Amino acid sequence: VGGAMPGAVCAAAGQDCHDVYPGTLGDFECVCKPLLTGRAMGAAATCTLDECDVPGNAGVCGAGTTTVGQTAPQECHDPDHTKTGDWLCKCPSPSHASAVGGAAACAVDECEDAANADR
């Protein structure tokens, strides 16, 4: 840690410091603040975020439109927890539509689905 106090190492990264075994040196861990996840022993943690856990994002997908015959809500999916702005709503089958950052238009091409069913 190069002489820096453990609490300062974590605080500089915007993280909480937890001393795992008080009285033992070098066993502190930095823990990411919610909604971020991650922890590291003796150093700042690499924090990640599942944007579907952000209040409101998954609800946007659940409120998305469905096509005739679909009763399931759209599913929220975050493909890369190290980046922000890439979460998307995915339509339930038989639609394959999705949209980044908001509800998708869940259209179904009946001709395309019929052609794919024969394969």
Protein backbone atom coordinates (compact mmCIF):
# COMPACT_ATOMS: atom_id res chain seq x y z
CA VAL A 1 0.00 0.00 0.00
CA GLY A 2 3.12 2.17 0.08
CA GLY A 3 2.62 3.74 3.53
CA ALA A 4 -0.92 5.00 2.90
CA MET A 5 -3.42 4.21 5.61
CA PRO A 6 -5.84 1.43 4.58
CA GLY A 7 -8.86 3.65 5.08
CA ALA A 8 -7.33 6.27 2.79
CA VAL A 9 -6.68 3.68 0.05
CA CYS A 10 -10.33 2.65 0.04
CA ALA A 11 -11.68 6.19 0.48
CA ALA A 12 -9.60 7.45 -2.46
CA ALA A 13 -11.37 4.86 -4.61
CA GLY A 14 -14.80 5.82 -3.20
CA GLN A 15 -15.05 2.51 -1.36
CA ASP A 16 -15.65 1.34 2.19
CA CYS A 17 -12.80 -0.12 4.26
CA HIS A 18 -13.35 -3.24 6.38
CA ASP A 19 -10.68 -4.53 8.75
CA VAL A 20 -11.17 -8.30 8.57
CA TYR A 21 -9.12 -9.08 11.71
CA PRO A 22 -8.53 -6.01 13.88
CA GLY A 23 -5.01 -6.17 15.26
CA THR A 24 -3.59 -7.93 12.19
CA LEU A 25 -1.86 -5.66 9.69
CA GLY A 26 -2.51 -5.84 5.96
CA ASP A 27 -5.79 -7.72 6.12
CA PHE A 28 -8.10 -4.82 5.31
CA GLU A 29 -10.40 -5.04 2.32
CA CYS A 30 -11.94 -2.36 0.17
CA VAL A 31 -15.60 -2.98 -0.63
CA CYS A 32 -17.56 -1.25 -3.38
CA LYS A 33 -20.56 0.82 -2.37
CA PRO A 34 -24.04 -0.30 -3.44
CA LEU A 35 -25.22 -0.69 -6.26
CA LEU A 36 -21.69 -1.59 -7.29
CA THR A 37 -20.22 -4.99 -6.44
CA GLY A 38 -16.65 -6.02 -5.80
CA ARG A 39 -14.06 -6.33 -3.04
CA ALA A 40 -10.30 -6.66 -2.78
CA MET A 41 -7.95 -7.56 0.05
CA GLY A 42 -5.26 -4.97 0.73
CA ALA A 43 -6.07 -2.73 -2.24
CA ALA A 44 -8.83 -0.82 -3.98
CA ALA A 45 -11.42 -3.12 -5.52
CA THR A 46 -12.52 -3.32 -9.13
CA CYS A 47 -16.20 -2.41 -8.95
CA THR A 48 -18.83 -3.59 -11.40
CA LEU A 49 -22.47 -2.70 -11.91
CA ASP A 50 -25.38 -4.74 -13.22
CA GLU A 51 -27.48 -1.92 -14.64
CA CYS A 52 -30.58 -4.10 -14.34
CA ASP A 53 -30.21 -3.65 -10.57
CA VAL A 54 -30.50 0.13 -10.90
CA PRO A 55 -33.95 1.16 -9.64
CA GLY A 56 -36.26 1.69 -12.57
CA ASN A 57 -34.25 0.00 -15.33
CA ALA A 58 -35.78 -3.47 -14.99
CA GLY A 59 -39.19 -1.85 -14.56
CA VAL A 60 -38.80 -0.17 -17.94
CA CYS A 61 -38.44 -3.62 -19.49
CA GLY A 62 -41.35 -5.03 -17.51
CA ALA A 63 -43.55 -2.21 -18.76
CA GLY A 64 -42.53 -2.75 -22.38
CA THR A 65 -44.97 -3.72 -25.07
CA THR A 66 -45.61 -7.30 -26.03
CA THR A 67 -47.03 -8.73 -29.21
CA VAL A 68 -50.23 -10.67 -29.57
CA GLY A 69 -49.96 -13.97 -27.77
CA GLN A 70 -47.12 -12.87 -25.48
CA THR A 71 -47.81 -12.58 -21.79
CA ALA A 72 -44.25 -12.51 -20.42
CA PRO A 73 -42.67 -9.10 -19.78
CA GLN A 74 -39.47 -8.08 -21.48
CA GLU A 75 -36.27 -9.18 -19.75
CA CYS A 76 -33.57 -6.75 -18.62
CA HIS A 77 -30.04 -7.84 -19.57
CA ASP A 78 -26.69 -6.16 -18.92
CA PRO A 79 -24.08 -7.81 -21.15
CA ASP A 80 -21.02 -6.13 -19.61
CA HIS A 81 -20.98 -5.13 -15.94
CA THR A 82 -17.78 -3.11 -16.42
CA LYS A 83 -19.46 -0.64 -18.82
CA THR A 84 -22.46 1.62 -18.35
CA GLY A 85 -25.16 2.46 -20.86
CA ASP A 86 -25.26 -0.99 -22.46
CA TRP A 87 -28.22 -2.59 -20.64
CA LEU A 88 -31.08 -3.68 -22.83
CA CYS A 89 -34.61 -5.00 -22.80
CA LYS A 90 -35.14 -8.30 -24.61
CA CYS A 91 -38.53 -9.39 -25.91
CA PRO A 92 -39.94 -12.79 -24.98
CA SER A 93 -40.14 -15.49 -27.62
CA PRO A 94 -41.22 -15.61 -30.43
CA SER A 95 -39.93 -12.06 -30.92
CA HIS A 96 -36.17 -11.65 -31.03
CA ALA A 97 -36.18 -7.85 -30.70
CA SER A 98 -34.22 -5.91 -28.11
CA ALA A 99 -33.42 -2.28 -27.39
CA VAL A 100 -30.55 -0.63 -25.52
CA GLY A 101 -31.59 1.51 -22.56
CA GLY A 102 -35.32 1.12 -22.93
CA ALA A 103 -38.27 -1.04 -23.85
CA ALA A 104 -38.10 -2.84 -27.19
CA ALA A 105 -40.79 -2.97 -29.87
CA CYS A 106 -41.64 -6.66 -29.74
CA ALA A 107 -42.79 -7.28 -33.28
CA VAL A 108 -43.00 -10.77 -34.72
CA ASP A 109 -42.54 -11.40 -38.43
CA GLU A 110 -44.94 -14.29 -38.99
CA CYS A 111 -43.37 -15.18 -42.35
CA GLU A 112 -39.85 -15.22 -40.91
CA ASP A 113 -40.96 -17.34 -37.93
CA ALA A 114 -42.74 -19.80 -40.24
CA ALA A 115 -39.65 -20.13 -42.44
CA ASN A 116 -37.40 -20.70 -39.42
CA ALA A 117 -39.77 -23.33 -37.99
CA ASP A 118 -39.12 -25.56 -41.03
CA ARG A 119 -35.35 -25.64 -40.37
